[in-house]
Amino acid sequence: MWILLILSVLVIYIVLGILYESFVHPLTILSGLPSAGAGALITLILFQEDLGIYGFIGIIMLIGIVKKNAIMMIDFALEAQRRDGKSAAEAIYEGALIRFRPIMMTTMAALMGTLPIALGFGAGAEARRPLGLAVVGGLVVSQILTLYFTPVYYVYLDAFRVKAGKLFRTVSLSRDAEPETVPGLNVHAN
């Protein structure tokens, strides 16, 4: 199951990398996953539930929901940077403010949808209860932390991306420069 979890995060990273044509922005989007996983595991421990197949399915569902919330914020910030020429800090601040309501609506819909599963009503509910607890606990913790940490990750990783881009450009420019020719010296000799 752990291999499946790692593969799902890796596939999401690859798809996001292709979508954004960047190695850095998918990291920003996936930055909320550790807090979501910790929230899910802490909730399962608090309610004395085992991490079985249903708990893992809940964590995989949680990855999708948390990722989508971060995508809403990052998409808006990237568009504001490209279109309006804003700095990373200004763009993510505006993105967090404007996309706050849709992010909260998505989170609340997912919470209200999985809360009956977490409470464990109905026939066979005790088998599905870890799924609901993992999603509810992970969403609550990640929602609180993601709204604060994702903008910080975005600003720092954007600064890293800019510095790495400058570094690679200077390295590639220095490699592309013509070698100086010295009279009597054949540089291209075999």
N, C-alpha and C. Protein backbone atom coordinates (compact mmCIF):
# COMPACT_ATOMS: atom_id res chain seq x y z
N MET A 1 0.82 -1.21 0.00
CA MET A 1 0.00 0.00 0.00
C MET A 1 0.86 1.26 0.00
N TRP A 2 2.01 1.20 0.71
CA TRP A 2 2.88 2.37 0.73
C TRP A 2 3.45 2.65 -0.65
N ILE A 3 3.75 1.59 -1.38
CA ILE A 3 4.26 1.76 -2.75
C ILE A 3 3.20 2.43 -3.62
N LEU A 4 1.94 2.01 -3.44
CA LEU A 4 0.83 2.61 -4.19
C LEU A 4 0.70 4.09 -3.85
N LEU A 5 0.86 4.43 -2.59
CA LEU A 5 0.76 5.82 -2.17
C LEU A 5 1.89 6.66 -2.78
N ILE A 6 3.10 6.13 -2.75
CA ILE A 6 4.24 6.85 -3.33
C ILE A 6 4.08 6.99 -4.84
N LEU A 7 3.61 5.93 -5.49
CA LEU A 7 3.39 6.00 -6.94
C LEU A 7 2.30 7.01 -7.30
N SER A 8 1.26 7.10 -6.48
CA SER A 8 0.20 8.07 -6.79
C SER A 8 0.73 9.49 -6.69
N VAL A 9 1.55 9.78 -5.68
CA VAL A 9 2.14 11.12 -5.56
C VAL A 9 3.10 11.38 -6.72
N LEU A 10 3.88 10.38 -7.11
CA LEU A 10 4.81 10.53 -8.23
C LEU A 10 4.07 10.80 -9.54
N VAL A 11 3.00 10.07 -9.79
CA VAL A 11 2.21 10.28 -11.02
C VAL A 11 1.59 11.68 -11.01
N ILE A 12 1.09 12.11 -9.86
CA ILE A 12 0.51 13.46 -9.77
C ILE A 12 1.59 14.51 -10.05
N TYR A 13 2.80 14.30 -9.51
CA TYR A 13 3.90 15.24 -9.75
C TYR A 13 4.24 15.31 -11.24
N ILE A 14 4.29 14.16 -11.89
CA ILE A 14 4.62 14.13 -13.32
C ILE A 14 3.55 14.84 -14.14
N VAL A 15 2.28 14.56 -13.84
CA VAL A 15 1.19 15.20 -14.58
C VAL A 15 1.21 16.72 -14.35
N LEU A 16 1.42 17.14 -13.11
CA LEU A 16 1.49 18.58 -12.83
C LEU A 16 2.71 19.22 -13.48
N GLY A 17 3.82 18.49 -13.53
CA GLY A 17 5.01 19.01 -14.20
C GLY A 17 4.77 19.23 -15.67
N ILE A 18 4.06 18.31 -16.30
CA ILE A 18 3.72 18.47 -17.72
C ILE A 18 2.74 19.63 -17.90
N LEU A 19 1.77 19.74 -17.00
CA LEU A 19 0.76 20.79 -17.10
C LEU A 19 1.38 22.18 -16.96
N TYR A 20 2.25 22.35 -15.96
CA TYR A 20 2.82 23.67 -15.70
C TYR A 20 4.16 23.89 -16.39
N GLU A 21 4.69 22.86 -17.05
CA GLU A 21 5.99 22.94 -17.72
C GLU A 21 7.05 23.44 -16.76
N SER A 22 7.06 22.90 -15.56
CA SER A 22 7.97 23.32 -14.52
C SER A 22 8.20 22.16 -13.55
N PHE A 23 9.38 22.15 -12.94
CA PHE A 23 9.66 21.18 -11.90
C PHE A 23 9.29 21.73 -10.53
N VAL A 24 9.18 23.04 -10.41
CA VAL A 24 9.02 23.71 -9.12
C VAL A 24 7.56 23.85 -8.71
N HIS A 25 6.70 24.25 -9.62
CA HIS A 25 5.30 24.51 -9.25
C HIS A 25 4.57 23.26 -8.75
N PRO A 26 4.84 22.07 -9.28
CA PRO A 26 4.21 20.88 -8.68
C PRO A 26 4.64 20.66 -7.23
N LEU A 27 5.86 21.03 -6.89
CA LEU A 27 6.29 20.91 -5.50
C LEU A 27 5.49 21.84 -4.60
N THR A 28 5.21 23.04 -5.10
CA THR A 28 4.39 23.98 -4.34
C THR A 28 2.99 23.42 -4.13
N ILE A 29 2.43 22.83 -5.16
CA ILE A 29 1.08 22.27 -5.06
C ILE A 29 1.06 21.09 -4.10
N LEU A 30 2.08 20.26 -4.14
CA LEU A 30 2.12 19.08 -3.29
C LEU A 30 2.62 19.37 -1.88
N SER A 31 2.92 20.63 -1.58
CA SER A 31 3.45 20.97 -0.25
C SER A 31 2.43 20.76 0.86
N GLY A 32 1.17 20.72 0.56
CA GLY A 32 0.16 20.51 1.58
C GLY A 32 -0.08 19.05 1.93
N LEU A 33 0.52 18.14 1.18
CA LEU A 33 0.28 16.72 1.41
C LEU A 33 0.81 16.20 2.74
N PRO A 34 2.00 16.63 3.20
CA PRO A 34 2.46 16.12 4.50
C PRO A 34 1.52 16.47 5.65
N SER A 35 0.99 17.69 5.65
CA SER A 35 0.07 18.07 6.73
C SER A 35 -1.23 17.28 6.63
N ALA A 36 -1.68 17.01 5.41
CA ALA A 36 -2.90 16.21 5.24
C ALA A 36 -2.68 14.78 5.72
N GLY A 37 -1.54 14.19 5.35
CA GLY A 37 -1.24 12.84 5.80
C GLY A 37 -1.09 12.76 7.30
N ALA A 38 -0.43 13.75 7.89
CA ALA A 38 -0.28 13.77 9.35
C ALA A 38 -1.63 13.91 10.04
N GLY A 39 -2.48 14.76 9.50
CA GLY A 39 -3.82 14.92 10.07
C GLY A 39 -4.63 13.65 9.99
N ALA A 40 -4.52 12.95 8.86
CA ALA A 40 -5.26 11.69 8.71
C ALA A 40 -4.75 10.64 9.69
N LEU A 41 -3.44 10.52 9.82
CA LEU A 41 -2.88 9.51 10.72
C LEU A 41 -3.17 9.84 12.18
N ILE A 42 -3.07 11.11 12.55
CA ILE A 42 -3.37 11.51 13.93
C ILE A 42 -4.83 11.24 14.27
N THR A 43 -5.72 11.52 13.32
CA THR A 43 -7.14 11.26 13.55
C THR A 43 -7.41 9.77 13.72
N LEU A 44 -6.78 8.94 12.89
CA LEU A 44 -6.95 7.50 13.04
C LEU A 44 -6.42 7.01 14.38
N ILE A 45 -5.31 7.58 14.84
CA ILE A 45 -4.76 7.19 16.15
C ILE A 45 -5.69 7.63 17.28
N LEU A 46 -6.22 8.87 17.18
CA LEU A 46 -7.10 9.39 18.22
C LEU A 46 -8.37 8.54 18.37
N PHE A 47 -8.89 8.07 17.25
CA PHE A 47 -10.12 7.27 17.29
C PHE A 47 -9.82 5.77 17.34
N GLN A 48 -8.56 5.41 17.55
CA GLN A 48 -8.11 4.03 17.72
C GLN A 48 -8.57 3.12 16.57
N GLU A 49 -8.35 3.61 15.36
CA GLU A 49 -8.67 2.84 14.16
C GLU A 49 -7.38 2.39 13.50
N ASP A 50 -7.41 1.24 12.90
CA ASP A 50 -6.25 0.73 12.18
C ASP A 50 -6.17 1.36 10.79
N LEU A 51 -4.94 1.44 10.29
CA LEU A 51 -4.73 1.95 8.94
C LEU A 51 -4.79 0.76 8.00
N GLY A 52 -5.99 0.45 7.55
CA GLY A 52 -6.19 -0.67 6.63
C GLY A 52 -6.42 -0.16 5.22
N ILE A 53 -7.06 -1.00 4.43
CA ILE A 53 -7.31 -0.66 3.03
C ILE A 53 -8.21 0.57 2.90
N TYR A 54 -9.23 0.67 3.77
CA TYR A 54 -10.12 1.82 3.70
C TYR A 54 -9.41 3.10 4.14
N GLY A 55 -8.53 3.02 5.11
CA GLY A 55 -7.76 4.19 5.52
C GLY A 55 -6.84 4.68 4.42
N PHE A 56 -6.21 3.73 3.70
CA PHE A 56 -5.35 4.12 2.59
C PHE A 56 -6.15 4.74 1.45
N ILE A 57 -7.33 4.21 1.19
CA ILE A 57 -8.18 4.81 0.16
C ILE A 57 -8.55 6.23 0.56
N GLY A 58 -8.83 6.43 1.85
CA GLY A 58 -9.12 7.78 2.34
C GLY A 58 -7.95 8.73 2.16
N ILE A 59 -6.73 8.23 2.41
CA ILE A 59 -5.55 9.08 2.24
C ILE A 59 -5.33 9.42 0.76
N ILE A 60 -5.57 8.46 -0.11
CA ILE A 60 -5.43 8.74 -1.55
C ILE A 60 -6.49 9.73 -2.01
N MET A 61 -7.72 9.61 -1.50
CA MET A 61 -8.75 10.61 -1.80
C MET A 61 -8.32 11.99 -1.30
N LEU A 62 -7.74 11.99 -0.13
CA LEU A 62 -7.29 13.23 0.50
C LEU A 62 -6.22 13.91 -0.35
N ILE A 63 -5.34 13.14 -0.95
CA ILE A 63 -4.30 13.70 -1.82
C ILE A 63 -4.94 14.48 -2.97
N GLY A 64 -5.97 13.91 -3.56
CA GLY A 64 -6.64 14.59 -4.67
C GLY A 64 -7.33 15.88 -4.25
N ILE A 65 -7.98 15.86 -3.10
CA ILE A 65 -8.71 17.06 -2.65
C ILE A 65 -7.74 18.17 -2.27
N VAL A 66 -6.70 17.84 -1.51
CA VAL A 66 -5.74 18.85 -1.08
C VAL A 66 -4.99 19.43 -2.28
N LYS A 67 -4.64 18.57 -3.22
CA LYS A 67 -3.95 19.01 -4.43
C LYS A 67 -4.82 19.98 -5.21
N LYS A 68 -6.10 19.70 -5.32
CA LYS A 68 -6.99 20.56 -6.09
C LYS A 68 -7.13 21.92 -5.43
N ASN A 69 -7.17 21.97 -4.12
CA ASN A 69 -7.26 23.25 -3.42
C ASN A 69 -6.02 24.10 -3.68
N ALA A 70 -4.86 23.49 -3.67
CA ALA A 70 -3.63 24.24 -3.94
C ALA A 70 -3.56 24.68 -5.40
N ILE A 71 -4.06 23.85 -6.30
CA ILE A 71 -4.07 24.21 -7.73
C ILE A 71 -4.88 25.47 -7.96
N MET A 72 -6.01 25.60 -7.26
CA MET A 72 -6.83 26.80 -7.43
C MET A 72 -6.05 28.07 -7.09
N MET A 73 -5.27 28.01 -6.02
CA MET A 73 -4.50 29.17 -5.61
C MET A 73 -3.32 29.43 -6.55
N ILE A 74 -2.59 28.38 -6.89
CA ILE A 74 -1.38 28.51 -7.70
C ILE A 74 -1.73 28.94 -9.12
N ASP A 75 -2.80 28.39 -9.70
CA ASP A 75 -3.21 28.80 -11.04
C ASP A 75 -3.49 30.29 -11.11
N PHE A 76 -4.21 30.78 -10.13
CA PHE A 76 -4.53 32.21 -10.11
C PHE A 76 -3.26 33.05 -9.97
N ALA A 77 -2.35 32.61 -9.10
CA ALA A 77 -1.11 33.37 -8.89
C ALA A 77 -0.24 33.38 -10.14
N LEU A 78 -0.12 32.24 -10.80
CA LEU A 78 0.69 32.19 -12.03
C LEU A 78 0.11 33.08 -13.12
N GLU A 79 -1.20 33.07 -13.25
CA GLU A 79 -1.85 33.92 -14.25
C GLU A 79 -1.64 35.40 -13.93
N ALA A 80 -1.72 35.75 -12.64
CA ALA A 80 -1.51 37.16 -12.25
C ALA A 80 -0.07 37.58 -12.51
N GLN A 81 0.87 36.66 -12.30
CA GLN A 81 2.28 36.98 -12.58
C GLN A 81 2.51 37.18 -14.06
N ARG A 82 1.95 36.31 -14.88
CA ARG A 82 2.18 36.40 -16.32
C ARG A 82 1.43 37.57 -16.95
N ARG A 83 0.17 37.72 -16.58
CA ARG A 83 -0.67 38.73 -17.22
C ARG A 83 -0.39 40.13 -16.69
N ASP A 84 -0.31 40.28 -15.37
CA ASP A 84 -0.19 41.60 -14.77
C ASP A 84 1.24 41.96 -14.38
N GLY A 85 2.16 41.03 -14.48
CA GLY A 85 3.55 41.29 -14.12
C GLY A 85 3.78 41.50 -12.64
N LYS A 86 2.94 40.90 -11.81
CA LYS A 86 3.07 41.06 -10.36
C LYS A 86 4.20 40.19 -9.84
N SER A 87 4.69 40.56 -8.67
CA SER A 87 5.70 39.74 -8.02
C SER A 87 5.03 38.48 -7.49
N ALA A 88 5.84 37.50 -7.13
CA ALA A 88 5.29 36.23 -6.62
C ALA A 88 4.49 36.45 -5.35
N ALA A 89 4.98 37.30 -4.46
CA ALA A 89 4.29 37.54 -3.19
C ALA A 89 2.93 38.22 -3.42
N GLU A 90 2.91 39.22 -4.30
CA GLU A 90 1.64 39.90 -4.59
C GLU A 90 0.66 38.96 -5.27
N ALA A 91 1.15 38.15 -6.20
CA ALA A 91 0.27 37.27 -6.95
C ALA A 91 -0.34 36.19 -6.06
N ILE A 92 0.46 35.58 -5.19
CA ILE A 92 -0.09 34.52 -4.34
C ILE A 92 -0.99 35.09 -3.25
N TYR A 93 -0.69 36.30 -2.79
CA TYR A 93 -1.57 36.95 -1.81
C TYR A 93 -2.94 37.20 -2.42
N GLU A 94 -2.94 37.73 -3.63
CA GLU A 94 -4.22 37.97 -4.31
C GLU A 94 -4.94 36.66 -4.62
N GLY A 95 -4.16 35.64 -5.02
CA GLY A 95 -4.75 34.34 -5.30
C GLY A 95 -5.37 33.71 -4.07
N ALA A 96 -4.70 33.85 -2.92
CA ALA A 96 -5.24 33.30 -1.68
C ALA A 96 -6.51 34.02 -1.26
N LEU A 97 -6.55 35.33 -1.47
CA LEU A 97 -7.75 36.08 -1.09
C LEU A 97 -8.93 35.77 -2.01
N ILE A 98 -8.68 35.79 -3.30
CA ILE A 98 -9.78 35.63 -4.25
C ILE A 98 -10.27 34.18 -4.31
N ARG A 99 -9.37 33.22 -4.19
CA ARG A 99 -9.75 31.81 -4.29
C ARG A 99 -10.11 31.19 -2.94
N PHE A 100 -10.16 32.00 -1.87
CA PHE A 100 -10.47 31.47 -0.54
C PHE A 100 -11.86 30.83 -0.50
N ARG A 101 -12.84 31.51 -1.04
CA ARG A 101 -14.21 30.99 -0.99
C ARG A 101 -14.37 29.68 -1.76
N PRO A 102 -13.88 29.56 -3.01
CA PRO A 102 -13.99 28.27 -3.68
C PRO A 102 -13.23 27.14 -2.98
N ILE A 103 -12.09 27.47 -2.39
CA ILE A 103 -11.34 26.46 -1.65
C ILE A 103 -12.12 25.99 -0.44
N MET A 104 -12.71 26.93 0.29
CA MET A 104 -13.51 26.55 1.46
C MET A 104 -14.77 25.79 1.07
N MET A 105 -15.39 26.17 -0.05
CA MET A 105 -16.58 25.44 -0.49
C MET A 105 -16.24 24.00 -0.85
N THR A 106 -15.13 23.79 -1.53
CA THR A 106 -14.71 22.43 -1.89
C THR A 106 -14.40 21.61 -0.65
N THR A 107 -13.68 22.21 0.28
CA THR A 107 -13.32 21.51 1.51
C THR A 107 -14.57 21.18 2.32
N MET A 108 -15.47 22.12 2.46
CA MET A 108 -16.69 21.87 3.24
C MET A 108 -17.57 20.81 2.58
N ALA A 109 -17.65 20.81 1.27
CA ALA A 109 -18.43 19.78 0.58
C ALA A 109 -17.82 18.40 0.82
N ALA A 110 -16.51 18.30 0.75
CA ALA A 110 -15.85 17.02 1.00
C ALA A 110 -16.01 16.61 2.47
N LEU A 111 -15.90 17.57 3.37
CA LEU A 111 -16.09 17.26 4.80
C LEU A 111 -17.50 16.77 5.10
N MET A 112 -18.47 17.49 4.59
CA MET A 112 -19.86 17.10 4.85
C MET A 112 -20.22 15.78 4.17
N GLY A 113 -19.56 15.50 3.06
CA GLY A 113 -19.83 14.24 2.37
C GLY A 113 -19.22 13.04 3.07
N THR A 114 -18.09 13.23 3.74
CA THR A 114 -17.44 12.10 4.40
C THR A 114 -17.71 12.04 5.90
N LEU A 115 -18.34 13.07 6.45
CA LEU A 115 -18.64 13.07 7.88
C LEU A 115 -19.57 11.92 8.29
N PRO A 116 -20.62 11.60 7.52
CA PRO A 116 -21.44 10.43 7.91
C PRO A 116 -20.64 9.12 7.90
N ILE A 117 -19.69 9.00 7.00
CA ILE A 117 -18.85 7.80 6.96
C ILE A 117 -17.96 7.78 8.20
N ALA A 118 -17.42 8.95 8.58
CA ALA A 118 -16.55 9.03 9.76
C ALA A 118 -17.32 8.76 11.04
N LEU A 119 -18.56 9.19 11.10
CA LEU A 119 -19.37 8.95 12.30
C LEU A 119 -19.79 7.49 12.41
N GLY A 120 -19.86 6.80 11.28
CA GLY A 120 -20.11 5.37 11.29
C GLY A 120 -21.55 4.96 11.49
N PHE A 121 -22.45 5.56 10.74
CA PHE A 121 -23.86 5.16 10.80
C PHE A 121 -24.16 4.14 9.73
N GLY A 122 -25.06 3.23 10.00
CA GLY A 122 -25.52 2.28 8.99
C GLY A 122 -24.87 0.92 9.10
N ALA A 123 -25.36 0.01 8.27
CA ALA A 123 -24.86 -1.36 8.27
C ALA A 123 -23.46 -1.41 7.68
N GLY A 124 -22.56 -2.09 8.35
CA GLY A 124 -21.19 -2.23 7.86
C GLY A 124 -20.37 -0.96 7.95
N ALA A 125 -20.84 -0.01 8.75
CA ALA A 125 -20.17 1.29 8.82
C ALA A 125 -18.81 1.20 9.50
N GLU A 126 -18.65 0.26 10.41
CA GLU A 126 -17.37 0.19 11.12
C GLU A 126 -16.22 -0.19 10.20
N ALA A 127 -16.51 -0.84 9.08
CA ALA A 127 -15.46 -1.18 8.11
C ALA A 127 -15.02 0.05 7.32
N ARG A 128 -15.98 0.93 7.01
CA ARG A 128 -15.66 2.12 6.21
C ARG A 128 -15.26 3.32 7.06
N ARG A 129 -15.38 3.22 8.36
CA ARG A 129 -15.11 4.36 9.24
C ARG A 129 -13.69 4.92 9.09
N PRO A 130 -12.64 4.09 8.95
CA PRO A 130 -11.30 4.67 8.76
C PRO A 130 -11.18 5.56 7.52
N LEU A 131 -11.92 5.25 6.47
CA LEU A 131 -11.92 6.09 5.27
C LEU A 131 -12.42 7.48 5.61
N GLY A 132 -13.56 7.55 6.27
CA GLY A 132 -14.13 8.85 6.63
C GLY A 132 -13.26 9.61 7.61
N LEU A 133 -12.71 8.90 8.60
CA LEU A 133 -11.86 9.57 9.58
C LEU A 133 -10.59 10.12 8.93
N ALA A 134 -9.99 9.37 8.02
CA ALA A 134 -8.78 9.83 7.35
C ALA A 134 -9.06 11.08 6.54
N VAL A 135 -10.16 11.09 5.81
CA VAL A 135 -10.48 12.26 4.97
C VAL A 135 -10.84 13.46 5.83
N VAL A 136 -11.68 13.27 6.84
CA VAL A 136 -12.10 14.40 7.68
C VAL A 136 -10.92 14.97 8.46
N GLY A 137 -10.15 14.11 9.12
CA GLY A 137 -9.01 14.60 9.89
C GLY A 137 -7.95 15.25 9.02
N GLY A 138 -7.66 14.65 7.88
CA GLY A 138 -6.67 15.22 6.98
C GLY A 138 -7.11 16.54 6.40
N LEU A 139 -8.39 16.65 6.05
CA LEU A 139 -8.89 17.91 5.49
C LEU A 139 -8.87 19.04 6.51
N VAL A 140 -9.25 18.75 7.74
CA VAL A 140 -9.27 19.80 8.76
C VAL A 140 -7.86 20.33 9.01
N VAL A 141 -6.91 19.43 9.22
CA VAL A 141 -5.54 19.85 9.50
C VAL A 141 -4.92 20.53 8.28
N SER A 142 -5.07 19.92 7.11
CA SER A 142 -4.43 20.50 5.92
C SER A 142 -5.06 21.82 5.53
N GLN A 143 -6.35 21.98 5.73
CA GLN A 143 -7.00 23.24 5.37
C GLN A 143 -6.47 24.38 6.21
N ILE A 144 -6.29 24.14 7.48
CA ILE A 144 -5.77 25.18 8.36
C ILE A 144 -4.33 25.53 7.98
N LEU A 145 -3.51 24.50 7.72
CA LEU A 145 -2.10 24.75 7.45
C LEU A 145 -1.84 25.17 6.00
N THR A 146 -2.58 24.62 5.05
CA THR A 146 -2.33 24.90 3.64
C THR A 146 -2.56 26.37 3.30
N LEU A 147 -3.56 26.98 3.89
CA LEU A 147 -3.84 28.39 3.60
C LEU A 147 -2.69 29.29 4.03
N TYR A 148 -1.88 28.83 4.97
CA TYR A 148 -0.74 29.61 5.41
C TYR A 148 0.57 29.19 4.74
N PHE A 149 0.77 27.87 4.60
CA PHE A 149 2.06 27.38 4.13
C PHE A 149 2.21 27.41 2.61
N THR A 150 1.16 27.16 1.86
CA THR A 150 1.27 27.13 0.40
C THR A 150 1.74 28.47 -0.16
N PRO A 151 1.23 29.62 0.30
CA PRO A 151 1.77 30.89 -0.21
C PRO A 151 3.26 31.08 0.13
N VAL A 152 3.67 30.61 1.30
CA VAL A 152 5.07 30.75 1.69
C VAL A 152 5.95 29.89 0.78
N TYR A 153 5.52 28.63 0.57
CA TYR A 153 6.26 27.75 -0.34
C TYR A 153 6.31 28.34 -1.75
N TYR A 154 5.22 28.93 -2.18
CA TYR A 154 5.17 29.50 -3.52
C TYR A 154 6.20 30.61 -3.68
N VAL A 155 6.29 31.51 -2.71
CA VAL A 155 7.22 32.63 -2.79
C VAL A 155 8.66 32.12 -2.78
N TYR A 156 8.98 31.21 -1.87
CA TYR A 156 10.36 30.72 -1.77
C TYR A 156 10.75 29.86 -2.98
N LEU A 157 9.86 29.00 -3.43
CA LEU A 157 10.19 28.16 -4.58
C LEU A 157 10.24 28.97 -5.87
N ASP A 158 9.46 30.05 -5.96
CA ASP A 158 9.56 30.92 -7.14
C ASP A 158 10.90 31.65 -7.14
N ALA A 159 11.36 32.08 -5.97
CA ALA A 159 12.68 32.71 -5.88
C ALA A 159 13.77 31.70 -6.24
N PHE A 160 13.62 30.46 -5.80
CA PHE A 160 14.58 29.41 -6.16
C PHE A 160 14.58 29.16 -7.66
N ARG A 161 13.38 29.14 -8.25
CA ARG A 161 13.27 28.91 -9.70
C ARG A 161 13.97 30.01 -10.48
N VAL A 162 13.80 31.26 -10.05
CA VAL A 162 14.43 32.39 -10.74
C VAL A 162 15.95 32.31 -10.61
N LYS A 163 16.45 32.01 -9.41
CA LYS A 163 17.90 31.91 -9.21
C LYS A 163 18.49 30.73 -9.99
N ALA A 164 17.79 29.60 -9.98
CA ALA A 164 18.27 28.44 -10.74
C ALA A 164 18.26 28.72 -12.23
N GLY A 165 17.25 29.44 -12.71
CA GLY A 165 17.20 29.80 -14.12
C GLY A 165 18.36 30.70 -14.52
N LYS A 166 18.69 31.67 -13.67
CA LYS A 166 19.84 32.55 -13.95
C LYS A 166 21.13 31.75 -13.92
N LEU A 167 21.27 30.84 -12.97
CA LEU A 167 22.49 30.05 -12.86
C LEU A 167 22.69 29.17 -14.09
N PHE A 168 21.62 28.49 -14.52
CA PHE A 168 21.73 27.61 -15.69
C PHE A 168 21.95 28.40 -16.97
N ARG A 169 21.41 29.62 -17.06
CA ARG A 169 21.65 30.44 -18.24
C ARG A 169 23.09 30.88 -18.32
N THR A 170 23.69 31.27 -17.21
CA THR A 170 25.09 31.69 -17.24
C THR A 170 26.00 30.51 -17.53
N VAL A 171 25.67 29.32 -17.00
CA VAL A 171 26.48 28.13 -17.28
C VAL A 171 26.37 27.77 -18.76
N SER A 172 25.16 27.81 -19.31
CA SER A 172 25.00 27.45 -20.72
C SER A 172 25.62 28.51 -21.64
N LEU A 173 25.57 29.77 -21.25
CA LEU A 173 26.19 30.82 -22.06
C LEU A 173 27.70 30.68 -22.05
N SER A 174 28.27 30.31 -20.92
CA SER A 174 29.73 30.17 -20.88
C SER A 174 30.18 28.94 -21.66
N ARG A 175 29.37 27.91 -21.72
CA ARG A 175 29.72 26.73 -22.51
C ARG A 175 29.55 26.98 -24.01
N ASP A 176 28.60 27.85 -24.36
CA ASP A 176 28.36 28.12 -25.78
C ASP A 176 29.36 29.11 -26.37
N ALA A 177 30.14 29.77 -25.55
CA ALA A 177 31.09 30.76 -26.04
C ALA A 177 32.15 30.07 -26.88
N GLU A 178 32.60 30.76 -27.91
CA GLU A 178 33.62 30.22 -28.80
C GLU A 178 34.95 30.16 -28.07
N PRO A 179 35.68 29.07 -28.22
CA PRO A 179 37.00 29.03 -27.61
C PRO A 179 37.95 29.98 -28.35
N GLU A 180 38.83 30.56 -27.59
CA GLU A 180 39.79 31.49 -28.21
C GLU A 180 40.76 30.69 -29.07
N THR A 181 41.08 31.24 -30.22
CA THR A 181 42.03 30.56 -31.11
C THR A 181 43.42 31.13 -30.88
N VAL A 182 44.35 30.22 -30.74
CA VAL A 182 45.74 30.59 -30.56
C VAL A 182 46.46 30.26 -31.85
N PRO A 183 47.22 31.19 -32.40
CA PRO A 183 47.90 30.88 -33.68
C PRO A 183 48.79 29.66 -33.54
N GLY A 184 48.68 28.76 -34.49
CA GLY A 184 49.49 27.56 -34.51
C GLY A 184 48.91 26.42 -33.70
N LEU A 185 47.78 26.62 -33.03
CA LEU A 185 47.19 25.56 -32.20
C LEU A 185 45.87 25.15 -32.83
N ASN A 186 45.74 23.90 -33.16
CA ASN A 186 44.51 23.36 -33.76
C ASN A 186 43.66 22.78 -32.64
N VAL A 187 42.56 23.46 -32.28
CA VAL A 187 41.71 23.02 -31.19
C VAL A 187 40.91 21.79 -31.57
N HIS A 188 40.54 21.66 -32.81
CA HIS A 188 39.67 20.57 -33.24
C HIS A 188 40.43 19.35 -33.71
N ALA A 189 41.68 19.22 -33.37
CA ALA A 189 42.47 18.06 -33.83
C ALA A 189 42.05 16.82 -33.06
N ASN A 190 42.11 15.68 -33.76
CA ASN A 190 41.74 14.41 -33.12
C ASN A 190 42.92 13.78 -32.47
